Amino acid sequence: MQRMAEAVAKDEIETVTMSVGTQRRAVLEAVAFGTFLRDVETWCVLLMATFLLIHLQFEQRLNSLLLVSFVCPPQGADGLQSADPVADTQDQEAGSGR
């Protein structure tokens, strides 16, 4: 502690002199800024989590649609994909004699 006092007395290091009111204001500004940073960080984390959740849900739905369309595509009597599955069902019932 004595070495620091000697260094300050000889102007070997720079010092800042503040009144108690200025110190209080600096501390309060630091706390407010830290709170702001925490709030922004929380908002960014929630935004990213929401984005990832929406993206994953969309990806799962897309994959399930693609899987269904590739694994069991609806086919008509000629073996080609049909645009009208109701007509295909009626054709199959008519062909089976029901």
N, C-alpha and C. Protein backbone atom coordinates (compact mmCIF):
# COMPACT_ATOMS: atom_id res chain seq x y z
N MET A 1 0.82 -1.18 0.00
CA MET A 1 0.00 0.00 0.00
C MET A 1 0.87 1.26 0.00
N GLN A 2 2.00 1.19 0.70
CA GLN A 2 2.90 2.34 0.78
C GLN A 2 3.52 2.60 -0.58
N ARG A 3 3.88 1.54 -1.32
CA ARG A 3 4.48 1.73 -2.65
C ARG A 3 3.50 2.41 -3.58
N MET A 4 2.21 2.07 -3.47
CA MET A 4 1.22 2.69 -4.34
C MET A 4 1.08 4.17 -3.99
N ALA A 5 1.07 4.50 -2.71
CA ALA A 5 0.98 5.90 -2.29
C ALA A 5 2.18 6.70 -2.80
N GLU A 6 3.36 6.10 -2.75
CA GLU A 6 4.55 6.78 -3.27
C GLU A 6 4.47 6.97 -4.78
N ALA A 7 3.96 5.97 -5.50
CA ALA A 7 3.84 6.08 -6.95
C ALA A 7 2.83 7.16 -7.33
N VAL A 8 1.77 7.28 -6.58
CA VAL A 8 0.77 8.33 -6.84
C VAL A 8 1.37 9.69 -6.52
N ALA A 9 2.11 9.79 -5.44
CA ALA A 9 2.72 11.06 -5.05
C ALA A 9 3.75 11.53 -6.07
N LYS A 10 4.47 10.61 -6.71
CA LYS A 10 5.49 10.96 -7.70
C LYS A 10 4.91 11.08 -9.11
N ASP A 11 3.59 10.91 -9.26
CA ASP A 11 2.91 10.94 -10.56
C ASP A 11 3.44 9.88 -11.54
N GLU A 12 3.85 8.74 -10.99
CA GLU A 12 4.30 7.63 -11.83
C GLU A 12 3.12 6.89 -12.44
N ILE A 13 1.97 6.96 -11.83
CA ILE A 13 0.75 6.35 -12.37
C ILE A 13 -0.35 7.39 -12.41
N GLU A 14 -1.28 7.21 -13.34
CA GLU A 14 -2.39 8.15 -13.45
C GLU A 14 -3.48 7.75 -12.47
N THR A 15 -4.12 8.76 -11.91
CA THR A 15 -5.21 8.51 -10.99
C THR A 15 -6.44 9.31 -11.41
N VAL A 16 -7.57 8.85 -10.93
CA VAL A 16 -8.83 9.54 -11.16
C VAL A 16 -9.42 9.85 -9.80
N THR A 17 -9.76 11.09 -9.61
CA THR A 17 -10.36 11.50 -8.35
C THR A 17 -11.83 11.77 -8.61
N MET A 18 -12.71 11.09 -7.84
CA MET A 18 -14.14 11.25 -8.01
C MET A 18 -14.77 11.50 -6.65
N SER A 19 -15.81 12.30 -6.70
CA SER A 19 -16.58 12.51 -5.47
C SER A 19 -17.44 11.28 -5.21
N VAL A 20 -18.01 11.21 -4.04
CA VAL A 20 -18.86 10.07 -3.68
C VAL A 20 -20.07 10.00 -4.60
N GLY A 21 -20.64 11.15 -4.93
CA GLY A 21 -21.80 11.17 -5.83
C GLY A 21 -21.45 10.64 -7.23
N THR A 22 -20.28 11.02 -7.73
CA THR A 22 -19.83 10.54 -9.04
C THR A 22 -19.55 9.04 -9.00
N GLN A 23 -18.97 8.56 -7.92
CA GLN A 23 -18.73 7.13 -7.77
C GLN A 23 -20.05 6.36 -7.75
N ARG A 24 -21.02 6.88 -7.01
CA ARG A 24 -22.33 6.24 -6.92
C ARG A 24 -22.98 6.18 -8.32
N ARG A 25 -22.91 7.29 -9.04
CA ARG A 25 -23.50 7.34 -10.38
C ARG A 25 -22.80 6.35 -11.33
N ALA A 26 -21.48 6.23 -11.23
CA ALA A 26 -20.74 5.29 -12.09
C ALA A 26 -21.13 3.84 -11.79
N VAL A 27 -21.28 3.54 -10.52
CA VAL A 27 -21.68 2.18 -10.13
C VAL A 27 -23.09 1.88 -10.62
N LEU A 28 -24.01 2.85 -10.45
CA LEU A 28 -25.39 2.64 -10.89
C LEU A 28 -25.47 2.49 -12.42
N GLU A 29 -24.69 3.25 -13.15
CA GLU A 29 -24.66 3.11 -14.61
C GLU A 29 -24.11 1.74 -15.01
N ALA A 30 -23.10 1.27 -14.30
CA ALA A 30 -22.53 -0.05 -14.60
C ALA A 30 -23.56 -1.15 -14.34
N VAL A 31 -24.30 -1.02 -13.25
CA VAL A 31 -25.34 -2.02 -12.94
C VAL A 31 -26.44 -1.98 -13.98
N ALA A 32 -26.86 -0.78 -14.37
CA ALA A 32 -27.91 -0.65 -15.39
C ALA A 32 -27.44 -1.23 -16.72
N PHE A 33 -26.20 -0.96 -17.09
CA PHE A 33 -25.68 -1.49 -18.35
C PHE A 33 -25.59 -3.02 -18.29
N GLY A 34 -25.15 -3.56 -17.16
CA GLY A 34 -25.08 -5.01 -17.01
C GLY A 34 -26.46 -5.65 -17.09
N THR A 35 -27.46 -5.01 -16.50
CA THR A 35 -28.83 -5.51 -16.57
C THR A 35 -29.33 -5.50 -18.00
N PHE A 36 -29.03 -4.41 -18.72
CA PHE A 36 -29.42 -4.32 -20.13
C PHE A 36 -28.78 -5.45 -20.94
N LEU A 37 -27.50 -5.69 -20.72
CA LEU A 37 -26.82 -6.77 -21.45
C LEU A 37 -27.44 -8.13 -21.15
N ARG A 38 -27.77 -8.37 -19.86
CA ARG A 38 -28.39 -9.63 -19.49
C ARG A 38 -29.75 -9.80 -20.17
N ASP A 39 -30.54 -8.73 -20.21
CA ASP A 39 -31.86 -8.79 -20.85
C ASP A 39 -31.74 -9.06 -22.35
N VAL A 40 -30.80 -8.41 -22.99
CA VAL A 40 -30.59 -8.62 -24.43
C VAL A 40 -30.12 -10.04 -24.69
N GLU A 41 -29.22 -10.54 -23.86
CA GLU A 41 -28.73 -11.91 -24.03
C GLU A 41 -29.87 -12.91 -23.86
N THR A 42 -30.72 -12.70 -22.86
CA THR A 42 -31.86 -13.58 -22.64
C THR A 42 -32.80 -13.54 -23.83
N TRP A 43 -33.07 -12.35 -24.35
CA TRP A 43 -33.95 -12.20 -25.51
C TRP A 43 -33.37 -12.93 -26.72
N CYS A 44 -32.06 -12.79 -26.94
CA CYS A 44 -31.41 -13.46 -28.08
C CYS A 44 -31.47 -14.98 -27.93
N VAL A 45 -31.26 -15.48 -26.72
CA VAL A 45 -31.32 -16.93 -26.49
C VAL A 45 -32.73 -17.45 -26.76
N LEU A 46 -33.74 -16.74 -26.27
CA LEU A 46 -35.13 -17.17 -26.50
C LEU A 46 -35.48 -17.10 -27.98
N LEU A 47 -35.04 -16.05 -28.66
CA LEU A 47 -35.30 -15.92 -30.09
C LEU A 47 -34.65 -17.07 -30.87
N MET A 48 -33.42 -17.39 -30.53
CA MET A 48 -32.72 -18.48 -31.22
C MET A 48 -33.37 -19.82 -30.91
N ALA A 49 -33.77 -20.04 -29.67
CA ALA A 49 -34.43 -21.30 -29.32
C ALA A 49 -35.76 -21.43 -30.06
N THR A 50 -36.50 -20.35 -30.17
CA THR A 50 -37.76 -20.38 -30.91
C THR A 50 -37.51 -20.68 -32.37
N PHE A 51 -36.52 -20.03 -32.95
CA PHE A 51 -36.18 -20.27 -34.35
C PHE A 51 -35.79 -21.73 -34.58
N LEU A 52 -34.96 -22.26 -33.70
CA LEU A 52 -34.52 -23.66 -33.86
C LEU A 52 -35.69 -24.63 -33.70
N LEU A 53 -36.59 -24.35 -32.75
CA LEU A 53 -37.75 -25.20 -32.55
C LEU A 53 -38.64 -25.20 -33.78
N ILE A 54 -38.91 -24.02 -34.33
CA ILE A 54 -39.74 -23.92 -35.54
C ILE A 54 -39.05 -24.63 -36.70
N HIS A 55 -37.75 -24.45 -36.83
CA HIS A 55 -37.00 -25.09 -37.91
C HIS A 55 -37.05 -26.61 -37.79
N LEU A 56 -36.86 -27.12 -36.57
CA LEU A 56 -36.89 -28.57 -36.37
C LEU A 56 -38.28 -29.15 -36.64
N GLN A 57 -39.33 -28.45 -36.21
CA GLN A 57 -40.68 -28.93 -36.47
C GLN A 57 -40.97 -28.95 -37.96
N PHE A 58 -40.55 -27.90 -38.66
CA PHE A 58 -40.74 -27.85 -40.11
C PHE A 58 -39.97 -28.98 -40.79
N GLU A 59 -38.73 -29.19 -40.35
CA GLU A 59 -37.90 -30.24 -40.95
C GLU A 59 -38.50 -31.62 -40.71
N GLN A 60 -39.04 -31.87 -39.51
CA GLN A 60 -39.66 -33.16 -39.22
C GLN A 60 -40.90 -33.38 -40.08
N ARG A 61 -41.72 -32.35 -40.21
CA ARG A 61 -42.91 -32.48 -41.05
C ARG A 61 -42.55 -32.70 -42.50
N LEU A 62 -41.54 -31.97 -42.98
CA LEU A 62 -41.11 -32.13 -44.36
C LEU A 62 -40.57 -33.54 -44.59
N ASN A 63 -39.76 -34.03 -43.65
CA ASN A 63 -39.21 -35.38 -43.79
C ASN A 63 -40.30 -36.44 -43.76
N SER A 64 -41.31 -36.26 -42.90
CA SER A 64 -42.39 -37.25 -42.85
C SER A 64 -43.20 -37.21 -44.14
N LEU A 65 -43.41 -36.03 -44.71
CA LEU A 65 -44.13 -35.95 -45.98
C LEU A 65 -43.33 -36.60 -47.10
N LEU A 66 -42.04 -36.33 -47.12
CA LEU A 66 -41.20 -36.93 -48.16
C LEU A 66 -41.13 -38.44 -48.01
N LEU A 67 -41.04 -38.91 -46.76
CA LEU A 67 -40.97 -40.35 -46.51
C LEU A 67 -42.24 -41.03 -46.98
N VAL A 68 -43.39 -40.46 -46.67
CA VAL A 68 -44.66 -41.05 -47.08
C VAL A 68 -44.77 -41.05 -48.59
N SER A 69 -44.37 -39.96 -49.24
CA SER A 69 -44.53 -39.90 -50.69
C SER A 69 -43.56 -40.84 -51.41
N PHE A 70 -42.39 -41.14 -50.83
CA PHE A 70 -41.45 -42.05 -51.48
C PHE A 70 -41.71 -43.51 -51.13
N VAL A 71 -42.15 -43.78 -49.91
CA VAL A 71 -42.33 -45.16 -49.48
C VAL A 71 -43.62 -45.75 -50.05
N CYS A 72 -44.71 -45.03 -49.97
CA CYS A 72 -45.98 -45.59 -50.44
C CYS A 72 -46.75 -44.56 -51.27
N PRO A 73 -46.29 -44.30 -52.49
CA PRO A 73 -47.01 -43.35 -53.33
C PRO A 73 -48.33 -43.97 -53.81
N PRO A 74 -49.40 -43.18 -53.92
CA PRO A 74 -50.66 -43.72 -54.44
C PRO A 74 -50.50 -44.07 -55.92
N GLN A 75 -50.99 -45.26 -56.32
CA GLN A 75 -50.84 -45.68 -57.70
C GLN A 75 -52.20 -46.06 -58.27
N GLY A 76 -52.36 -45.77 -59.55
CA GLY A 76 -53.59 -46.12 -60.25
C GLY A 76 -53.50 -47.52 -60.83
N ALA A 77 -54.51 -47.90 -61.62
CA ALA A 77 -54.56 -49.23 -62.22
C ALA A 77 -53.42 -49.44 -63.21
N ASP A 78 -52.96 -48.36 -63.82
CA ASP A 78 -51.88 -48.48 -64.80
C ASP A 78 -50.49 -48.46 -64.16
N GLY A 79 -50.42 -48.40 -62.82
CA GLY A 79 -49.14 -48.43 -62.13
C GLY A 79 -48.53 -47.06 -61.95
N LEU A 80 -49.17 -46.03 -62.46
CA LEU A 80 -48.66 -44.67 -62.32
C LEU A 80 -49.33 -43.99 -61.14
N GLN A 81 -48.70 -42.96 -60.65
CA GLN A 81 -49.29 -42.22 -59.54
C GLN A 81 -50.57 -41.54 -60.00
N SER A 82 -51.56 -41.62 -59.17
CA SER A 82 -52.85 -41.04 -59.49
C SER A 82 -53.01 -39.71 -58.79
N ALA A 83 -53.72 -38.80 -59.43
CA ALA A 83 -53.99 -37.51 -58.83
C ALA A 83 -55.25 -37.55 -57.98
N ASP A 84 -56.09 -38.58 -58.15
CA ASP A 84 -57.36 -38.66 -57.44
C ASP A 84 -57.44 -39.99 -56.69
N PRO A 85 -57.08 -40.03 -55.40
CA PRO A 85 -57.10 -41.28 -54.65
C PRO A 85 -58.50 -41.84 -54.45
N VAL A 86 -59.54 -40.99 -54.46
CA VAL A 86 -60.92 -41.47 -54.31
C VAL A 86 -61.32 -42.28 -55.53
N ALA A 87 -60.96 -41.81 -56.71
CA ALA A 87 -61.28 -42.54 -57.94
C ALA A 87 -60.54 -43.87 -57.97
N ASP A 88 -59.31 -43.91 -57.47
CA ASP A 88 -58.55 -45.15 -57.42
C ASP A 88 -59.25 -46.16 -56.54
N THR A 89 -59.75 -45.73 -55.40
CA THR A 89 -60.44 -46.63 -54.48
C THR A 89 -61.69 -47.19 -55.13
N GLN A 90 -62.43 -46.34 -55.85
CA GLN A 90 -63.65 -46.80 -56.54
C GLN A 90 -63.29 -47.79 -57.64
N ASP A 91 -62.18 -47.52 -58.37
CA ASP A 91 -61.75 -48.44 -59.43
C ASP A 91 -61.36 -49.78 -58.84
N GLN A 92 -60.67 -49.79 -57.70
CA GLN A 92 -60.26 -51.04 -57.09
C GLN A 92 -61.46 -51.82 -56.59
N GLU A 93 -62.45 -51.14 -56.03
CA GLU A 93 -63.65 -51.83 -55.55
C GLU A 93 -64.43 -52.40 -56.73
N ALA A 94 -64.50 -51.68 -57.82
CA ALA A 94 -65.23 -52.16 -59.01
C ALA A 94 -64.52 -53.36 -59.63
N GLY A 95 -63.20 -53.35 -59.59
CA GLY A 95 -62.44 -54.46 -60.18
C GLY A 95 -62.48 -55.71 -59.33
N SER A 96 -62.70 -55.58 -58.04
CA SER A 96 -62.69 -56.76 -57.18
C SER A 96 -64.06 -57.41 -57.10
N GLY A 97 -65.10 -56.78 -57.69
CA GLY A 97 -66.42 -57.38 -57.71
C GLY A 97 -67.24 -57.07 -56.50
N ARG A 98 -66.92 -56.09 -55.74
CA ARG A 98 -67.69 -55.73 -54.55
C ARG A 98 -68.91 -54.94 -54.89
